[in-house]
Amino acid sequence: MKFTKKEFLMAPLGKISIDEWISIEENDLLHHTQVKSIPKIHVTGDLQYDGSTLVYSNLELEGVMIVPDSITLEDLEVDFDTESHETYSFVPIKAEDRQDEDIIVVKHDTIDINPEVFQAVLYEAPMSITRLPRDQYPKGDGWQVISDQDPKDQEKKIDPRWEKLSEFKLDD
């Protein structure tokens, strides 16, 4: 979704409302993430132009992403619901004028909010997820996969060699 400075100048009060459904199927951007695809993203919110150089985005995103099961590698659908807020500028901003804000300077008087949407959804991706019940987790001779949801006494079953390594610290 792209918006030009001219569209903001013509919009009532410099405000553009957004209510769009988009999707991101397998592409080069997803190859380096745990997300396989994002078949449904509902983007709502608005972009507010300050009348001189800045545009503030206020977006709400909800939808479904496809990620691999951490154990079986089968595709899992994961719902997400998040917000994103960015500031865009039509002109370069000096570092001292930014007031600790990250301001995205746009080119050719066009704001592309797709990278903002994409990044916000990726932040919602789980680091690991499985649909397997706990009793079906892999295990072998002297080892087993544990979960952060297992009782804390599981930590006492750590291989003593790993426990010794965790105590090792380098002197500065």
Protein backbone atom coordinates (compact mmCIF):
# COMPACT_ATOMS: atom_id res chain seq x y z
CA MET A 1 0.00 0.00 0.00
CA LYS A 2 1.51 3.24 -1.16
CA PHE A 3 0.39 6.81 -0.58
CA THR A 4 1.71 9.99 -2.19
CA LYS A 5 2.13 13.42 -0.69
CA LYS A 6 -0.48 14.66 -3.16
CA GLU A 7 -3.04 12.20 -1.70
CA PHE A 8 -2.41 13.64 1.79
CA LEU A 9 -2.82 17.20 0.52
CA MET A 10 -6.17 16.28 -1.04
CA ALA A 11 -7.42 14.24 1.97
CA PRO A 12 -9.75 15.95 4.45
CA LEU A 13 -7.62 17.20 7.37
CA GLY A 14 -4.64 15.38 5.84
CA LYS A 15 -5.92 12.05 7.16
CA ILE A 16 -6.15 8.87 5.12
CA SER A 17 -8.14 5.98 6.60
CA ILE A 18 -7.08 2.41 5.86
CA ASP A 19 -9.23 -0.72 5.84
CA GLU A 20 -7.55 -3.30 3.61
CA TRP A 21 -7.03 -7.04 3.41
CA ILE A 22 -3.62 -8.11 2.10
CA SER A 23 -1.52 -11.28 2.03
CA ILE A 24 2.14 -12.12 1.77
CA GLU A 25 2.76 -15.49 0.20
CA GLU A 26 6.13 -17.17 -0.01
CA ASN A 27 8.64 -14.63 -1.25
CA ASP A 28 12.25 -13.59 -0.79
CA LEU A 29 11.48 -11.56 2.34
CA LEU A 30 10.10 -14.61 4.14
CA HIS A 31 13.01 -16.95 3.31
CA HIS A 32 15.07 -15.73 6.27
CA THR A 33 12.27 -15.91 8.85
CA GLN A 34 10.35 -18.66 10.60
CA VAL A 35 7.18 -17.45 8.84
CA LYS A 36 6.27 -19.39 5.69
CA SER A 37 3.42 -17.13 4.56
CA ILE A 38 0.90 -14.62 5.82
CA PRO A 39 -2.30 -15.48 3.94
CA LYS A 40 -4.55 -13.00 5.77
CA ILE A 41 -3.73 -9.57 7.15
CA HIS A 42 -6.48 -7.09 7.91
CA VAL A 43 -4.94 -3.62 8.15
CA THR A 44 -7.04 -0.85 9.67
CA GLY A 45 -6.13 2.56 11.00
CA ASP A 46 -5.01 5.85 9.54
CA LEU A 47 -2.13 7.95 8.30
CA GLN A 48 -2.14 11.53 9.59
CA TYR A 49 -0.21 14.27 7.74
CA ASP A 50 0.97 17.17 9.91
CA GLY A 51 0.67 19.63 7.02
CA SER A 52 4.39 20.19 6.51
CA THR A 53 6.68 17.16 6.41
CA LEU A 54 5.64 14.36 8.79
CA VAL A 55 3.09 11.56 8.52
CA TYR A 56 2.15 9.45 11.53
CA SER A 57 0.84 5.93 11.04
CA ASN A 58 -1.52 4.33 13.51
CA LEU A 59 -2.26 0.81 12.29
CA GLU A 60 -3.99 -2.22 13.73
CA LEU A 61 -3.14 -5.57 12.19
CA GLU A 62 -4.87 -8.88 12.64
CA GLY A 63 -4.73 -12.08 10.69
CA VAL A 64 -3.12 -15.47 10.30
CA MET A 65 0.47 -16.51 9.63
CA ILE A 66 1.76 -19.94 8.67
CA VAL A 67 4.78 -21.20 10.65
CA PRO A 68 6.38 -24.65 10.91
CA ASP A 69 5.66 -26.85 13.92
CA SER A 70 8.91 -26.87 15.93
CA ILE A 71 8.91 -30.67 16.21
CA THR A 72 7.07 -32.08 13.18
CA LEU A 73 7.73 -29.18 10.73
CA GLU A 74 4.07 -29.36 9.64
CA ASP A 75 2.41 -26.06 8.77
CA LEU A 76 0.58 -24.40 11.65
CA GLU A 77 -1.80 -21.46 11.46
CA VAL A 78 -1.09 -18.84 14.13
CA ASP A 79 -3.46 -15.94 14.74
CA PHE A 80 -2.00 -12.52 15.48
CA ASP A 81 -3.37 -9.17 16.58
CA THR A 82 -0.96 -6.25 16.92
CA GLU A 83 -0.47 -2.53 16.39
CA SER A 84 2.15 -0.52 14.57
CA HIS A 85 3.07 3.15 14.84
CA GLU A 86 5.68 4.80 12.62
CA THR A 87 6.65 8.32 11.66
CA TYR A 88 7.48 9.15 8.04
CA SER A 89 9.02 12.31 6.61
CA PHE A 90 8.90 13.72 3.10
CA VAL A 91 12.20 15.58 3.71
CA PRO A 92 15.48 14.52 5.35
CA ILE A 93 15.56 15.12 9.10
CA LYS A 94 18.72 16.16 10.94
CA ALA A 95 19.76 13.79 13.73
CA GLU A 96 19.43 16.51 16.39
CA ASP A 97 15.85 17.25 15.28
CA ARG A 98 14.63 13.67 15.63
CA GLN A 99 14.09 13.81 19.41
CA ASP A 100 14.98 10.11 19.82
CA GLU A 101 12.32 9.14 17.29
CA ASP A 102 12.93 6.77 14.43
CA ILE A 103 11.71 8.68 11.42
CA ILE A 104 11.54 6.96 8.05
CA VAL A 105 12.51 9.33 5.25
CA VAL A 106 10.54 8.46 2.12
CA LYS A 107 11.66 8.79 -1.48
CA HIS A 108 9.79 10.34 -4.38
CA ASP A 109 7.07 11.71 -2.07
CA THR A 110 5.58 8.21 -1.68
CA ILE A 111 5.01 6.34 1.57
CA ASP A 112 5.02 2.56 1.29
CA ILE A 113 3.55 1.05 4.47
CA ASN A 114 4.10 -2.56 3.36
CA PRO A 115 7.49 -2.84 5.13
CA GLU A 116 5.91 -1.49 8.33
CA VAL A 117 3.10 -4.06 8.12
CA PHE A 118 5.51 -6.88 7.30
CA GLN A 119 7.84 -6.04 10.21
CA ALA A 120 4.99 -5.72 12.72
CA VAL A 121 3.66 -9.16 11.78
CA LEU A 122 7.12 -10.76 11.98
CA TYR A 123 7.52 -9.43 15.52
CA GLU A 124 4.44 -11.47 16.43
CA ALA A 125 5.84 -14.76 15.09
CA PRO A 126 6.43 -17.35 17.82
CA MET A 127 10.02 -18.47 18.34
CA SER A 128 8.83 -22.06 18.58
CA ILE A 129 5.42 -23.69 18.66
CA THR A 130 4.04 -27.20 18.48
CA ARG A 131 0.62 -28.79 18.51
CA LEU A 132 1.94 -32.11 19.82
CA PRO A 133 0.75 -33.13 23.28
CA ARG A 134 3.54 -33.24 25.87
CA ASP A 135 3.59 -37.06 26.00
CA GLN A 136 4.48 -37.17 22.29
CA TYR A 137 7.59 -34.97 22.53
CA PRO A 138 10.70 -36.70 21.20
CA LYS A 139 12.96 -38.51 23.68
CA GLY A 140 15.76 -40.99 23.56
CA ASP A 141 18.37 -42.74 25.63
CA GLY A 142 19.10 -40.24 28.39
CA TRP A 143 17.52 -37.18 26.74
CA GLN A 144 14.14 -35.65 26.16
CA VAL A 145 12.75 -32.46 24.68
CA ILE A 146 11.50 -30.20 27.43
CA SER A 147 9.20 -27.21 27.27
CA ASP A 148 9.04 -23.92 29.13
CA GLN A 149 5.67 -25.18 30.34
CA ASP A 150 7.15 -28.24 32.05
CA PRO A 151 7.38 -28.18 35.84
CA LYS A 152 10.50 -26.43 37.09
CA ASP A 153 11.87 -29.65 38.61
CA GLN A 154 12.69 -30.71 35.03
CA GLU A 155 15.65 -28.35 35.19
CA LYS A 156 17.22 -30.60 37.85
CA LYS A 157 17.51 -33.32 35.20
CA ILE A 158 20.07 -31.34 33.19
CA ASP A 159 23.12 -33.33 32.15
CA PRO A 160 25.76 -32.55 34.82
CA ARG A 161 28.28 -31.66 32.08
CA TRP A 162 25.99 -28.85 30.87
CA GLU A 163 25.42 -27.75 34.43
CA LYS A 164 29.18 -27.45 34.94
CA LEU A 165 29.51 -25.42 31.71
CA SER A 166 26.77 -23.02 32.81
CA GLU A 167 28.84 -22.22 35.93
CA PHE A 168 31.94 -21.42 33.84
CA LYS A 169 32.63 -17.72 33.45
CA LEU A 170 35.50 -15.94 31.76
CA ASP A 171 37.44 -13.40 33.75
CA ASP A 172 37.58 -9.94 32.21
